[in-house]
PDB file of N, CA and C in Angstrom:
ATOM      1  N   MET A   1      21.067  40.299 -27.918  1.00  0.00           N
ATOM      2  CA  MET A   1      21.707  39.307 -27.093  1.00  0.00           C
ATOM      3  C   MET A   1      21.595  39.679 -25.611  1.00  0.00           C
ATOM      4  N   SER A   2      21.670  40.952 -25.293  1.00  0.00           N
ATOM      5  CA  SER A   2      21.548  41.372 -23.901  1.00  0.00           C
ATOM      6  C   SER A   2      20.118  41.168 -23.397  1.00  0.00           C
ATOM      7  N   TRP A   3      19.141  41.211 -24.322  1.00  0.00           N
ATOM      8  CA  TRP A   3      17.741  41.006 -23.939  1.00  0.00           C
ATOM      9  C   TRP A   3      17.515  39.590 -23.407  1.00  0.00           C
ATOM     10  N   SER A   4      18.030  38.578 -24.061  1.00  0.00           N
ATOM     11  CA  SER A   4      17.829  37.193 -23.620  1.00  0.00           C
ATOM     12  C   SER A   4      18.582  36.939 -22.315  1.00  0.00           C
ATOM     13  N   TRP A   5      19.766  37.519 -22.149  1.00  0.00           N
ATOM     14  CA  TRP A   5      20.513  37.342 -20.901  1.00  0.00           C
ATOM     15  C   TRP A   5      19.767  37.986 -19.744  1.00  0.00           C
ATOM     16  N   LEU A   6      19.169  39.129 -19.979  1.00  0.00           N
ATOM     17  CA  LEU A   6      18.425  39.846 -18.956  1.00  0.00           C
ATOM     18  C   LEU A   6      17.166  39.080 -18.545  1.00  0.00           C
ATOM     19  N   SER A   7      16.452  38.508 -19.493  1.00  0.00           N
ATOM     20  CA  SER A   7      15.235  37.762 -19.165  1.00  0.00           C
ATOM     21  C   SER A   7      15.577  36.469 -18.422  1.00  0.00           C
ATOM     22  N   VAL A   8      16.678  35.830 -18.788  1.00  0.00           N
ATOM     23  CA  VAL A   8      17.088  34.606 -18.101  1.00  0.00           C
ATOM     24  C   VAL A   8      17.532  34.931 -16.677  1.00  0.00           C
ATOM     25  N   SER A   9      18.278  35.992 -16.494  1.00  0.00           N
ATOM     26  CA  SER A   9      18.738  36.339 -15.146  1.00  0.00           C
ATOM     27  C   SER A   9      17.572  36.743 -14.250  1.00  0.00           C
ATOM     28  N   SER A  10      16.560  37.423 -14.783  1.00  0.00           N
ATOM     29  CA  SER A  10      15.391  37.769 -13.970  1.00  0.00           C
ATOM     30  C   SER A  10      14.595  36.519 -13.607  1.00  0.00           C
ATOM     31  N   LEU A  11      14.536  35.558 -14.512  1.00  0.00           N
ATOM     32  CA  LEU A  11      13.862  34.295 -14.224  1.00  0.00           C
ATOM     33  C   LEU A  11      14.596  33.529 -13.125  1.00  0.00           C
ATOM     34  N   VAL A  12      15.904  33.476 -13.182  1.00  0.00           N
ATOM     35  CA  VAL A  12      16.703  32.794 -12.167  1.00  0.00           C
ATOM     36  C   VAL A  12      16.550  33.489 -10.822  1.00  0.00           C
ATOM     37  N   THR A  13      16.542  34.792 -10.807  1.00  0.00           N
ATOM     38  CA  THR A  13      16.391  35.547  -9.558  1.00  0.00           C
ATOM     39  C   THR A  13      15.024  35.294  -8.935  1.00  0.00           C
ATOM     40  N   ARG A  14      13.962  35.322  -9.739  1.00  0.00           N
ATOM     41  CA  ARG A  14      12.616  35.047  -9.217  1.00  0.00           C
ATOM     42  C   ARG A  14      12.520  33.620  -8.669  1.00  0.00           C
ATOM     43  N   SER A  15      13.094  32.666  -9.351  1.00  0.00           N
ATOM     44  CA  SER A  15      13.050  31.279  -8.899  1.00  0.00           C
ATOM     45  C   SER A  15      13.833  31.081  -7.615  1.00  0.00           C
ATOM     46  N   ALA A  16      14.922  31.800  -7.445  1.00  0.00           N
ATOM     47  CA  ALA A  16      15.744  31.662  -6.237  1.00  0.00           C
ATOM     48  C   ALA A  16      15.047  32.243  -5.014  1.00  0.00           C
ATOM     49  N   LEU A  17      14.182  33.242  -5.207  1.00  0.00           N
ATOM     50  CA  LEU A  17      13.520  33.885  -4.089  1.00  0.00           C
ATOM     51  C   LEU A  17      12.232  33.189  -3.662  1.00  0.00           C
ATOM     52  N   LYS A  18      11.693  32.306  -4.487  1.00  0.00           N
ATOM     53  CA  LYS A  18      10.461  31.590  -4.164  1.00  0.00           C
ATOM     54  C   LYS A  18      10.792  30.290  -3.432  1.00  0.00           C
ATOM     55  N   PRO A  19       9.869  29.805  -2.581  1.00  0.00           N
ATOM     56  CA  PRO A  19      10.091  28.494  -1.968  1.00  0.00           C
ATOM     57  C   PRO A  19       9.970  27.394  -3.029  1.00  0.00           C
ATOM     58  N   PRO A  20      10.570  26.237  -2.787  1.00  0.00           N
ATOM     59  CA  PRO A  20      10.510  25.172  -3.801  1.00  0.00           C
ATOM     60  C   PRO A  20       9.076  24.658  -3.984  1.00  0.00           C
ATOM     61  N   VAL A  21       8.776  24.241  -5.197  1.00  0.00           N
ATOM     62  CA  VAL A  21       7.442  23.731  -5.488  1.00  0.00           C
ATOM     63  C   VAL A  21       7.280  22.274  -5.061  1.00  0.00           C
ATOM     64  N   THR A  22       8.354  21.578  -4.923  1.00  0.00           N
ATOM     65  CA  THR A  22       8.295  20.168  -4.534  1.00  0.00           C
ATOM     66  C   THR A  22       8.515  20.019  -3.038  1.00  0.00           C
ATOM     67  N   ARG A  23       8.153  18.844  -2.516  1.00  0.00           N
ATOM     68  CA  ARG A  23       8.375  18.538  -1.102  1.00  0.00           C
ATOM     69  C   ARG A  23       9.771  17.972  -0.918  1.00  0.00           C
ATOM     70  N   LEU A  24      10.278  18.101   0.285  1.00  0.00           N
ATOM     71  CA  LEU A  24      11.580  17.527   0.602  1.00  0.00           C
ATOM     72  C   LEU A  24      11.367  16.094   1.082  1.00  0.00           C
ATOM     73  N   TYR A  25      10.974  15.222   0.149  1.00  0.00           N
ATOM     74  CA  TYR A  25      10.716  13.820   0.473  1.00  0.00           C
ATOM     75  C   TYR A  25      12.035  13.148   0.806  1.00  0.00           C
ATOM     76  N   PRO A  26      12.134  12.339   1.780  1.00  0.00           N
ATOM     77  CA  PRO A  26      11.164  11.710   2.665  1.00  0.00           C
ATOM     78  C   PRO A  26      10.919  12.477   3.961  1.00  0.00           C
ATOM     79  N   ILE A  27      11.530  13.641   4.131  1.00  0.00           N
ATOM     80  CA  ILE A  27      11.327  14.416   5.353  1.00  0.00           C
ATOM     81  C   ILE A  27       9.891  14.928   5.414  1.00  0.00           C
ATOM     82  N   GLU A  28       9.408  15.497   4.329  1.00  0.00           N
ATOM     83  CA  GLU A  28       8.034  15.979   4.251  1.00  0.00           C
ATOM     84  C   GLU A  28       7.230  14.999   3.409  1.00  0.00           C
ATOM     85  N   ARG A  29       6.206  14.421   4.019  1.00  0.00           N
ATOM     86  CA  ARG A  29       5.358  13.483   3.286  1.00  0.00           C
ATOM     87  C   ARG A  29       4.006  14.111   3.020  1.00  0.00           C
ATOM     88  N   ARG A  30       3.474  13.802   1.874  1.00  0.00           N
ATOM     89  CA  ARG A  30       2.167  14.308   1.482  1.00  0.00           C
ATOM     90  C   ARG A  30       1.089  13.597   2.287  1.00  0.00           C
ATOM     91  N   THR A  31       0.111  14.341   2.759  1.00  0.00           N
ATOM     92  CA  THR A  31      -1.019  13.701   3.436  1.00  0.00           C
ATOM     93  C   THR A  31      -1.888  13.057   2.363  1.00  0.00           C
ATOM     94  N   PRO A  32      -2.335  11.830   2.593  1.00  0.00           N
ATOM     95  CA  PRO A  32      -3.118  11.135   1.561  1.00  0.00           C
ATOM     96  C   PRO A  32      -4.463  11.825   1.305  1.00  0.00           C
ATOM     97  N   TYR A  33      -4.898  11.773   0.063  1.00  0.00           N
ATOM     98  CA  TYR A  33      -6.197  12.315  -0.294  1.00  0.00           C
ATOM     99  C   TYR A  33      -7.287  11.402   0.265  1.00  0.00           C
ATOM    100  N   ALA A  34      -8.491  11.917   0.347  1.00  0.00           N
ATOM    101  CA  ALA A  34      -9.616  11.107   0.816  1.00  0.00           C
ATOM    102  C   ALA A  34      -9.812   9.916  -0.120  1.00  0.00           C
ATOM    103  N   LYS A  35     -10.064   8.757   0.450  1.00  0.00           N
ATOM    104  CA  LYS A  35     -10.299   7.504  -0.274  1.00  0.00           C
ATOM    105  C   LYS A  35      -9.090   7.051  -1.082  1.00  0.00           C
ATOM    106  N   THR A  36      -7.883   7.427  -0.640  1.00  0.00           N
ATOM    107  CA  THR A  36      -6.671   6.946  -1.287  1.00  0.00           C
ATOM    108  C   THR A  36      -6.493   5.472  -0.977  1.00  0.00           C
ATOM    109  N   ARG A  37      -6.122   4.694  -1.963  1.00  0.00           N
ATOM    110  CA  ARG A  37      -5.865   3.276  -1.764  1.00  0.00           C
ATOM    111  C   ARG A  37      -4.365   3.076  -1.638  1.00  0.00           C
ATOM    112  N   GLY A  38      -3.943   2.568  -0.487  1.00  0.00           N
ATOM    113  CA  GLY A  38      -2.519   2.420  -0.233  1.00  0.00           C
ATOM    114  C   GLY A  38      -2.033   1.003  -0.404  1.00  0.00           C
ATOM    115  N   HIS A  39      -2.309   0.145   0.574  1.00  0.00           N
ATOM    116  CA  HIS A  39      -1.946  -1.260   0.469  1.00  0.00           C
ATOM    117  C   HIS A  39      -2.779  -2.068   1.460  1.00  0.00           C
ATOM    118  N   ILE A  40      -2.775  -3.370   1.277  1.00  0.00           N
ATOM    119  CA  ILE A  40      -3.567  -4.275   2.093  1.00  0.00           C
ATOM    120  C   ILE A  40      -2.832  -4.567   3.391  1.00  0.00           C
ATOM    121  N   LEU A  41      -3.563  -4.465   4.510  1.00  0.00           N
ATOM    122  CA  LEU A  41      -3.033  -4.832   5.821  1.00  0.00           C
ATOM    123  C   LEU A  41      -3.766  -6.080   6.296  1.00  0.00           C
ATOM    124  N   PHE A  42      -3.048  -6.984   6.941  1.00  0.00           N
ATOM    125  CA  PHE A  42      -3.622  -8.254   7.378  1.00  0.00           C
ATOM    126  C   PHE A  42      -3.234  -8.523   8.823  1.00  0.00           C
ATOM    127  N   VAL A  43      -4.209  -8.967   9.634  1.00  0.00           N
ATOM    128  CA  VAL A  43      -3.973  -9.347  11.028  1.00  0.00           C
ATOM    129  C   VAL A  43      -4.227 -10.845  11.126  1.00  0.00           C
ATOM    130  N   VAL A  44      -3.168 -11.619  11.282  1.00  0.00           N
ATOM    131  CA  VAL A  44      -3.272 -13.076  11.249  1.00  0.00           C
ATOM    132  C   VAL A  44      -4.023 -13.636  12.451  1.00  0.00           C
ATOM    133  N   ASP A  45      -3.982 -12.958  13.588  1.00  0.00           N
ATOM    134  CA  ASP A  45      -4.625 -13.478  14.798  1.00  0.00           C
ATOM    135  C   ASP A  45      -6.143 -13.540  14.675  1.00  0.00           C
ATOM    136  N   ASN A  46      -6.741 -12.671  13.869  1.00  0.00           N
ATOM    137  CA  ASN A  46      -8.192 -12.654  13.723  1.00  0.00           C
ATOM    138  C   ASN A  46      -8.702 -13.597  12.639  1.00  0.00           C
ATOM    139  N   CYS A  47      -7.834 -14.113  11.805  1.00  0.00           N
ATOM    140  CA  CYS A  47      -8.235 -14.881  10.628  1.00  0.00           C
ATOM    141  C   CYS A  47      -8.624 -16.315  10.999  1.00  0.00           C
ATOM    142  N   ASN A  48      -9.714 -16.800  10.366  1.00  0.00           N
ATOM    143  CA  ASN A  48     -10.085 -18.206  10.534  1.00  0.00           C
ATOM    144  C   ASN A  48      -9.771 -19.013   9.269  1.00  0.00           C
ATOM    145  N   PHE A  49      -9.094 -18.394   8.301  1.00  0.00           N
ATOM    146  CA  PHE A  49      -8.615 -19.027   7.074  1.00  0.00           C
ATOM    147  C   PHE A  49      -9.749 -19.661   6.276  1.00  0.00           C
ATOM    148  N   CYS A  50     -10.807 -18.894   6.084  1.00  0.00           N
ATOM    149  CA  CYS A  50     -11.954 -19.369   5.307  1.00  0.00           C
ATOM    150  C   CYS A  50     -11.654 -19.366   3.806  1.00  0.00           C
ATOM    151  N   THR A  51     -10.617 -18.681   3.370  1.00  0.00           N
ATOM    152  CA  THR A  51     -10.111 -18.566   1.991  1.00  0.00           C
ATOM    153  C   THR A  51     -11.051 -17.817   1.042  1.00  0.00           C
ATOM    154  N   ILE A  52     -12.055 -17.136   1.557  1.00  0.00           N
ATOM    155  CA  ILE A  52     -12.947 -16.363   0.690  1.00  0.00           C
ATOM    156  C   ILE A  52     -12.168 -15.239   0.003  1.00  0.00           C
ATOM    157  N   CYS A  53     -11.249 -14.607   0.740  1.00  0.00           N
ATOM    158  CA  CYS A  53     -10.459 -13.507   0.169  1.00  0.00           C
ATOM    159  C   CYS A  53      -9.645 -13.978  -1.039  1.00  0.00           C
ATOM    160  N   ALA A  54      -9.092 -15.186  -0.945  1.00  0.00           N
ATOM    161  CA  ALA A  54      -8.290 -15.720  -2.051  1.00  0.00           C
ATOM    162  C   ALA A  54      -9.166 -16.020  -3.266  1.00  0.00           C
ATOM    163  N   HIS A  55     -10.380 -16.493  -3.027  1.00  0.00           N
ATOM    164  CA  HIS A  55     -11.292 -16.797  -4.141  1.00  0.00           C
ATOM    165  C   HIS A  55     -11.839 -15.535  -4.784  1.00  0.00           C
ATOM    166  N   LYS A  56     -12.001 -14.472  -4.024  1.00  0.00           N
ATOM    167  CA  LYS A  56     -12.553 -13.224  -4.550  1.00  0.00           C
ATOM    168  C   LYS A  56     -11.506 -12.349  -5.235  1.00  0.00           C
ATOM    169  N   CYS A  57     -10.221 -12.627  -5.021  1.00  0.00           N
ATOM    170  CA  CYS A  57      -9.154 -11.806  -5.598  1.00  0.00           C
ATOM    171  C   CYS A  57      -9.074 -12.042  -7.111  1.00  0.00           C
ATOM    172  N   PRO A  58      -9.317 -10.997  -7.931  1.00  0.00           N
ATOM    173  CA  PRO A  58      -9.315 -11.192  -9.385  1.00  0.00           C
ATOM    174  C   PRO A  58      -7.927 -11.469  -9.969  1.00  0.00           C
ATOM    175  N   THR A  59      -6.870 -11.077  -9.289  1.00  0.00           N
ATOM    176  CA  THR A  59      -5.517 -11.284  -9.820  1.00  0.00           C
ATOM    177  C   THR A  59      -4.785 -12.442  -9.148  1.00  0.00           C
ATOM    178  N   ARG A  60      -5.452 -13.098  -8.213  1.00  0.00           N
ATOM    179  CA  ARG A  60      -4.859 -14.215  -7.454  1.00  0.00           C
ATOM    180  C   ARG A  60      -3.619 -13.768  -6.684  1.00  0.00           C
ATOM    181  N   ALA A  61      -3.671 -12.542  -6.161  1.00  0.00           N
ATOM    182  CA  ALA A  61      -2.553 -12.019  -5.366  1.00  0.00           C
ATOM    183  C   ALA A  61      -2.544 -12.613  -3.962  1.00  0.00           C
ATOM    184  N   ILE A  62      -3.698 -13.108  -3.501  1.00  0.00           N
ATOM    185  CA  ILE A  62      -3.808 -13.686  -2.161  1.00  0.00           C
ATOM    186  C   ILE A  62      -3.877 -15.200  -2.264  1.00  0.00           C
ATOM    187  N   VAL A  63      -3.082 -15.851  -1.431  1.00  0.00           N
ATOM    188  CA  VAL A  63      -3.101 -17.310  -1.345  1.00  0.00           C
ATOM    189  C   VAL A  63      -3.307 -17.662   0.124  1.00  0.00           C
ATOM    190  N   ALA A  64      -4.408 -18.365   0.412  1.00  0.00           N
ATOM    191  CA  ALA A  64      -4.708 -18.766   1.787  1.00  0.00           C
ATOM    192  C   ALA A  64      -4.840 -20.286   1.843  1.00  0.00           C
ATOM    193  N   ASN A  65      -4.349 -20.866   2.929  1.00  0.00           N
ATOM    194  CA  ASN A  65      -4.413 -22.308   3.114  1.00  0.00           C
ATOM    195  C   ASN A  65      -4.989 -22.590   4.495  1.00  0.00           C
ATOM    196  N   LYS A  66      -6.179 -23.183   4.519  1.00  0.00           N
ATOM    197  CA  LYS A  66      -6.861 -23.437   5.786  1.00  0.00           C
ATOM    198  C   LYS A  66      -6.154 -24.523   6.595  1.00  0.00           C
ATOM    199  N   LYS A  67      -5.665 -25.550   5.930  1.00  0.00           N
ATOM    200  CA  LYS A  67      -5.036 -26.673   6.614  1.00  0.00           C
ATOM    201  C   LYS A  67      -3.732 -26.263   7.302  1.00  0.00           C
ATOM    202  N   GLU A  68      -2.900 -25.516   6.584  1.00  0.00           N
ATOM    203  CA  GLU A  68      -1.605 -25.100   7.133  1.00  0.00           C
ATOM    204  C   GLU A  68      -1.685 -23.781   7.904  1.00  0.00           C
ATOM    205  N   LYS A  69      -2.855 -23.123   7.851  1.00  0.00           N
ATOM    206  CA  LYS A  69      -3.079 -21.827   8.510  1.00  0.00           C
ATOM    207  C   LYS A  69      -2.049 -20.786   8.057  1.00  0.00           C
ATOM    208  N   THR A  70      -1.947 -20.650   6.743  1.00  0.00           N
ATOM    209  CA  THR A  70      -1.047 -19.653   6.155  1.00  0.00           C
ATOM    210  C   THR A  70      -1.854 -18.715   5.259  1.00  0.00           C
ATOM    211  N   TRP A  71      -1.350 -17.508   5.127  1.00  0.00           N
ATOM    212  CA  TRP A  71      -1.966 -16.480   4.290  1.00  0.00           C
ATOM    213  C   TRP A  71      -0.828 -15.683   3.670  1.00  0.00           C
ATOM    214  N   ALA A  72      -0.900 -15.427   2.374  1.00  0.00           N
ATOM    215  CA  ALA A  72       0.170 -14.695   1.695  1.00  0.00           C
ATOM    216  C   ALA A  72      -0.437 -13.733   0.682  1.00  0.00           C
ATOM    217  N   ILE A  73       0.248 -12.611   0.491  1.00  0.00           N
ATOM    218  CA  ILE A  73      -0.173 -11.632  -0.518  1.00  0.00           C
ATOM    219  C   ILE A  73       1.035 -11.165  -1.303  1.00  0.00           C
ATOM    220  N   ASP A  74       0.863 -11.083  -2.608  1.00  0.00           N
ATOM    221  CA  ASP A  74       1.884 -10.560  -3.501  1.00  0.00           C
ATOM    222  C   ASP A  74       1.450  -9.144  -3.885  1.00  0.00           C
ATOM    223  N   HIS A  75       2.088  -8.141  -3.281  1.00  0.00           N
ATOM    224  CA  HIS A  75       1.683  -6.750  -3.520  1.00  0.00           C
ATOM    225  C   HIS A  75       1.946  -6.309  -4.957  1.00  0.00           C
ATOM    226  N   SER A  76       2.826  -7.001  -5.669  1.00  0.00           N
ATOM    227  CA  SER A  76       3.063  -6.626  -7.066  1.00  0.00           C
ATOM    228  C   SER A  76       1.908  -7.066  -7.962  1.00  0.00           C
ATOM    229  N   LEU A  77       1.104  -8.034  -7.521  1.00  0.00           N
ATOM    230  CA  LEU A  77      -0.067  -8.466  -8.282  1.00  0.00           C
ATOM    231  C   LEU A  77      -1.349  -7.761  -7.829  1.00  0.00           C
ATOM    232  N   CYS A  78      -1.371  -7.272  -6.604  1.00  0.00           N
ATOM    233  CA  CYS A  78      -2.578  -6.683  -6.026  1.00  0.00           C
ATOM    234  C   CYS A  78      -2.936  -5.384  -6.746  1.00  0.00           C
ATOM    235  N   ILE A  79      -4.209  -5.271  -7.151  1.00  0.00           N
ATOM    236  CA  ILE A  79      -4.673  -4.067  -7.836  1.00  0.00           C
ATOM    237  C   ILE A  79      -5.511  -3.184  -6.914  1.00  0.00           C
ATOM    238  N   LEU A  80      -5.559  -3.511  -5.625  1.00  0.00           N
ATOM    239  CA  LEU A  80      -6.253  -2.732  -4.597  1.00  0.00           C
ATOM    240  C   LEU A  80      -7.732  -2.527  -4.918  1.00  0.00           C
ATOM    241  N   CYS A  81      -8.370  -3.578  -5.404  1.00  0.00           N
ATOM    242  CA  CYS A  81      -9.788  -3.489  -5.749  1.00  0.00           C
ATOM    243  C   CYS A  81     -10.669  -3.467  -4.507  1.00  0.00           C
ATOM    244  N   GLY A  82     -10.203  -4.050  -3.401  1.00  0.00           N
ATOM    245  CA  GLY A  82     -10.964  -4.049  -2.161  1.00  0.00           C
ATOM    246  C   GLY A  82     -11.927  -5.212  -2.005  1.00  0.00           C
ATOM    247  N   ASN A  83     -11.943  -6.153  -2.936  1.00  0.00           N
ATOM    248  CA  ASN A  83     -12.838  -7.306  -2.821  1.00  0.00           C
ATOM    249  C   ASN A  83     -12.551  -8.110  -1.560  1.00  0.00           C
ATOM    250  N   CYS A  84     -11.294  -8.299  -1.245  1.00  0.00           N
ATOM    251  CA  CYS A  84     -10.928  -9.080  -0.058  1.00  0.00           C
ATOM    252  C   CYS A  84     -11.363  -8.374   1.215  1.00  0.00           C
ATOM    253  N   VAL A  85     -11.279  -7.058   1.237  1.00  0.00           N
ATOM    254  CA  VAL A  85     -11.669  -6.280   2.415  1.00  0.00           C
ATOM    255  C   VAL A  85     -13.177  -6.371   2.623  1.00  0.00           C
ATOM    256  N   GLU A  86     -13.936  -6.248   1.549  1.00  0.00           N
ATOM    257  CA  GLU A  86     -15.396  -6.287   1.646  1.00  0.00           C
ATOM    258  C   GLU A  86     -15.910  -7.662   2.068  1.00  0.00           C
ATOM    259  N   ASP A  87     -15.278  -8.723   1.606  1.00  0.00           N
ATOM    260  CA  ASP A  87     -15.785 -10.067   1.844  1.00  0.00           C
ATOM    261  C   ASP A  87     -15.197 -10.752   3.069  1.00  0.00           C
ATOM    262  N   CYS A  88     -14.269 -10.127   3.756  1.00  0.00           N
ATOM    263  CA  CYS A  88     -13.665 -10.747   4.943  1.00  0.00           C
ATOM    264  C   CYS A  88     -14.654 -10.669   6.109  1.00  0.00           C
ATOM    265  N   ARG A  89     -15.112 -11.827   6.569  1.00  0.00           N
ATOM    266  CA  ARG A  89     -16.107 -11.889   7.647  1.00  0.00           C
ATOM    267  C   ARG A  89     -15.511 -11.495   8.995  1.00  0.00           C
ATOM    268  N   GLU A  90     -14.243 -11.785   9.194  1.00  0.00           N
ATOM    269  CA  GLU A  90     -13.595 -11.550  10.486  1.00  0.00           C
ATOM    270  C   GLU A  90     -13.020 -10.142  10.617  1.00  0.00           C
ATOM    271  N   GLY A  91     -12.933  -9.418   9.519  1.00  0.00           N
ATOM    272  CA  GLY A  91     -12.390  -8.065   9.554  1.00  0.00           C
ATOM    273  C   GLY A  91     -10.877  -8.022   9.728  1.00  0.00           C
ATOM    274  N   CYS A  92     -10.191  -9.068   9.334  1.00  0.00           N
ATOM    275  CA  CYS A  92      -8.735  -9.095   9.510  1.00  0.00           C
ATOM    276  C   CYS A  92      -7.986  -8.474   8.332  1.00  0.00           C
ATOM    277  N   ILE A  93      -8.699  -8.137   7.261  1.00  0.00           N
ATOM    278  CA  ILE A  93      -8.074  -7.495   6.105  1.00  0.00           C
ATOM    279  C   ILE A  93      -8.612  -6.077   6.012  1.00  0.00           C
ATOM    280  N   THR A  94      -7.711  -5.102   5.949  1.00  0.00           N
ATOM    281  CA  THR A  94      -8.105  -3.711   5.803  1.00  0.00           C
ATOM    282  C   THR A  94      -7.295  -3.062   4.693  1.00  0.00           C
ATOM    283  N   LEU A  95      -7.779  -1.946   4.214  1.00  0.00           N
ATOM    284  CA  LEU A  95      -7.104  -1.204   3.158  1.00  0.00           C
ATOM    285  C   LEU A  95      -6.530   0.062   3.759  1.00  0.00           C
ATOM    286  N   SER A  96      -5.208   0.175   3.786  1.00  0.00           N
ATOM    287  CA  SER A  96      -4.531   1.341   4.355  1.00  0.00           C
ATOM    288  C   SER A  96      -4.526   2.479   3.349  1.00  0.00           C
ATOM    289  N   ASP A  97      -4.481   3.711   3.848  1.00  0.00           N
ATOM    290  CA  ASP A  97      -4.373   4.856   2.947  1.00  0.00           C
ATOM    291  C   ASP A  97      -2.923   5.250   2.703  1.00  0.00           C
ATOM    292  N   GLN A  98      -1.998   4.583   3.369  1.00  0.00           N
ATOM    293  CA  GLN A  98      -0.572   4.849   3.171  1.00  0.00           C
ATOM    294  C   GLN A  98      -0.037   3.966   2.045  1.00  0.00           C
ATOM    295  N   PRO A  99       0.838   4.480   1.185  1.00  0.00           N
ATOM    296  CA  PRO A  99       1.352   3.663   0.087  1.00  0.00           C
ATOM    297  C   PRO A  99       2.210   2.513   0.595  1.00  0.00           C
ATOM    298  N   CYS A 100       2.268   1.486  -0.211  1.00  0.00           N
ATOM    299  CA  CYS A 100       3.087   0.320   0.110  1.00  0.00           C
ATOM    300  C   CYS A 100       4.558   0.725   0.068  1.00  0.00           C
ATOM    301  N   PRO A 101       5.356   0.246   1.017  1.00  0.00           N
ATOM    302  CA  PRO A 101       6.784   0.573   0.965  1.00  0.00           C
ATOM    303  C   PRO A 101       7.406   0.067  -0.342  1.00  0.00           C
ATOM    304  N   PRO A 102       8.387   0.775  -0.868  1.00  0.00           N
ATOM    305  CA  PRO A 102       8.982   0.362  -2.145  1.00  0.00           C
ATOM    306  C   PRO A 102       9.655  -0.999  -2.043  1.00  0.00           C
ATOM    307  N   MET A 103       9.562  -1.767  -3.130  1.00  0.00           N
ATOM    308  CA  MET A 103      10.171  -3.098  -3.186  1.00  0.00           C
ATOM    309  C   MET A 103      11.327  -3.068  -4.174  1.00  0.00           C
ATOM    310  N   ARG A 104      12.402  -3.728  -3.829  1.00  0.00           N
ATOM    311  CA  ARG A 104      13.534  -3.847  -4.753  1.00  0.00           C
ATOM    312  C   ARG A 104      13.424  -5.086  -5.613  1.00  0.00           C
ATOM    313  N   ALA A 105      12.679  -6.074  -5.123  1.00  0.00           N
ATOM    314  CA  ALA A 105      12.462  -7.314  -5.863  1.00  0.00           C
ATOM    315  C   ALA A 105      11.044  -7.778  -5.566  1.00  0.00           C
ATOM    316  N   LYS A 106      10.569  -8.729  -6.351  1.00  0.00           N
ATOM    317  CA  LYS A 106       9.238  -9.267  -6.112  1.00  0.00           C
ATOM    318  C   LYS A 106       9.213  -9.914  -4.734  1.00  0.00           C
ATOM    319  N   GLU A 107       8.256  -9.477  -3.933  1.00  0.00           N
ATOM    320  CA  GLU A 107       8.200  -9.935  -2.553  1.00  0.00           C
ATOM    321  C   GLU A 107       6.783 -10.389  -2.228  1.00  0.00           C
ATOM    322  N   VAL A 108       6.669 -11.563  -1.635  1.00  0.00           N
ATOM    323  CA  VAL A 108       5.383 -12.084  -1.195  1.00  0.00           C
ATOM    324  C   VAL A 108       5.400 -12.095   0.327  1.00  0.00           C
ATOM    325  N   LEU A 109       4.464 -11.347   0.935  1.00  0.00           N
ATOM    326  CA  LEU A 109       4.370 -11.312   2.394  1.00  0.00           C
ATOM    327  C   LEU A 109       3.595 -12.533   2.862  1.00  0.00           C
ATOM    328  N   GLN A 110       4.192 -13.302   3.760  1.00  0.00           N
ATOM    329  CA  GLN A 110       3.558 -14.530   4.239  1.00  0.00           C
ATOM    330  C   GLN A 110       3.299 -14.437   5.731  1.00  0.00           C
ATOM    331  N   PHE A 111       2.133 -14.945   6.134  1.00  0.00           N
ATOM    332  CA  PHE A 111       1.732 -14.975   7.533  1.00  0.00           C
ATOM    333  C   PHE A 111       1.361 -16.408   7.890  1.00  0.00           C
ATOM    334  N   ARG A 112       1.673 -16.807   9.113  1.00  0.00           N
ATOM    335  CA  ARG A 112       1.326 -18.135   9.599  1.00  0.00           C
ATOM    336  C   ARG A 112       0.788 -17.993  11.013  1.00  0.00           C
ATOM    337  N   LYS A 113      -0.334 -18.639  11.271  1.00  0.00           N
ATOM    338  CA  LYS A 113      -0.919 -18.617  12.608  1.00  0.00           C
ATOM    339  C   LYS A 113      -0.302 -19.768  13.391  1.00  0.00           C
ATOM    340  N   GLU A 114       0.446 -19.424  14.424  1.00  0.00           N
ATOM    341  CA  GLU A 114       1.197 -20.417  15.186  1.00  0.00           C
ATOM    342  C   GLU A 114       0.339 -21.158  16.204  1.00  0.00           C
ATOM    343  N   HIS A 115      -0.567 -20.471  16.835  1.00  0.00           N
ATOM    344  CA  HIS A 115      -1.361 -21.101  17.885  1.00  0.00           C
ATOM    345  C   HIS A 115      -2.834 -20.802  17.662  1.00  0.00           C
ATOM    346  N   ASP A 116      -3.657 -21.723  18.058  1.00  0.00           N
ATOM    347  CA  ASP A 116      -5.087 -21.532  17.964  1.00  0.00           C
ATOM    348  C   ASP A 116      -5.630 -21.224  19.335  1.00  0.00           C
ATOM    349  N   THR A 117      -6.372 -20.143  19.458  1.00  0.00           N
ATOM    350  CA  THR A 117      -6.951 -19.813  20.746  1.00  0.00           C
ATOM    351  C   THR A 117      -8.229 -20.618  20.924  1.00  0.00           C
ATOM    352  N   PRO A 118      -8.408 -21.291  22.071  1.00  0.00           N
ATOM    353  CA  PRO A 118      -9.630 -22.088  22.264  1.00  0.00           C
ATOM    354  C   PRO A 118     -10.847 -21.188  22.388  1.00  0.00           C
ATOM    355  N   SER A 119     -11.931 -21.609  21.761  1.00  0.00           N
ATOM    356  CA  SER A 119     -13.156 -20.810  21.821  1.00  0.00           C
ATOM    357  C   SER A 119     -13.930 -21.166  23.083  1.00  0.00           C
ATOM    358  N   ALA A 120     -14.516 -20.149  23.697  1.00  0.00           N
ATOM    359  CA  ALA A 120     -15.234 -20.361  24.957  1.00  0.00           C
ATOM    360  C   ALA A 120     -16.669 -20.754  24.731  1.00  0.00           C
TER     361      ALA A 120
END
């Protein structure tokens, strides 16, 4: 019986003297690995609402409307395949290496272009 108590106490002592194996999240954040897929970023000012991204999305997470000049993405449906990023002619869709912020409920991010800049 003293043998098991001795081995447990030595294990506890060794563990107490070592630094923790985990990070103190959210204070310490892990640097993303190379080619990490985080979440889709969209810049509404550059978009011409061609809707190619919505047609190329295999899960229909993106909904674009050329007439109303709106663009929306449902991050809970997005599988981060990158089809929208590759096919965007204007470069307004990018893939971030940072993870998407946590959601408490299903959330659809919506963007609307308020003004049209005249072309020169």
